[in-house]
Amino acid sequence: MQYFFRFSENILFFCNAKQNDTSPQKKRMKTSKKYKVQTKVKPRQKKAVFMLSDEEYNLILFYLKKYKIGNRSRWFRETILTHILKNMEHDYPTLFEENEMRR
């Protein structure tokens, strides 16, 4: 027997209930809880294309093979966005210039 409960739009809780024994002394319900997050998948619609030299391409293939990375597009996306976010964190806007703050 399965019970479904919806906590919010994105979270669905369901419980499998199984009866172990039919004897009156041991009428316990065994439950297994599984949590599943339902998200609306937004497909990526923008495409980014860039060119590499043979040396750069071979270096990337070597790296992917060495570290057993199977999903190249996810790796490119994560690597590029991580670099961008680190730079944005480092170059946050300030009220004064760097040399004025060091005085």
Foldseek 3Di string as FASTA:
>chain_A
DKDWDDPDPFKIKMKDWDFDDPDPVRGDIDIDIDIDTHDDDDDDDDDDDDDDDPVVVVVVVVVCVVVVPDDVVVVVVVVVVVVVVVVCVVPDDDPDDPVVVVD
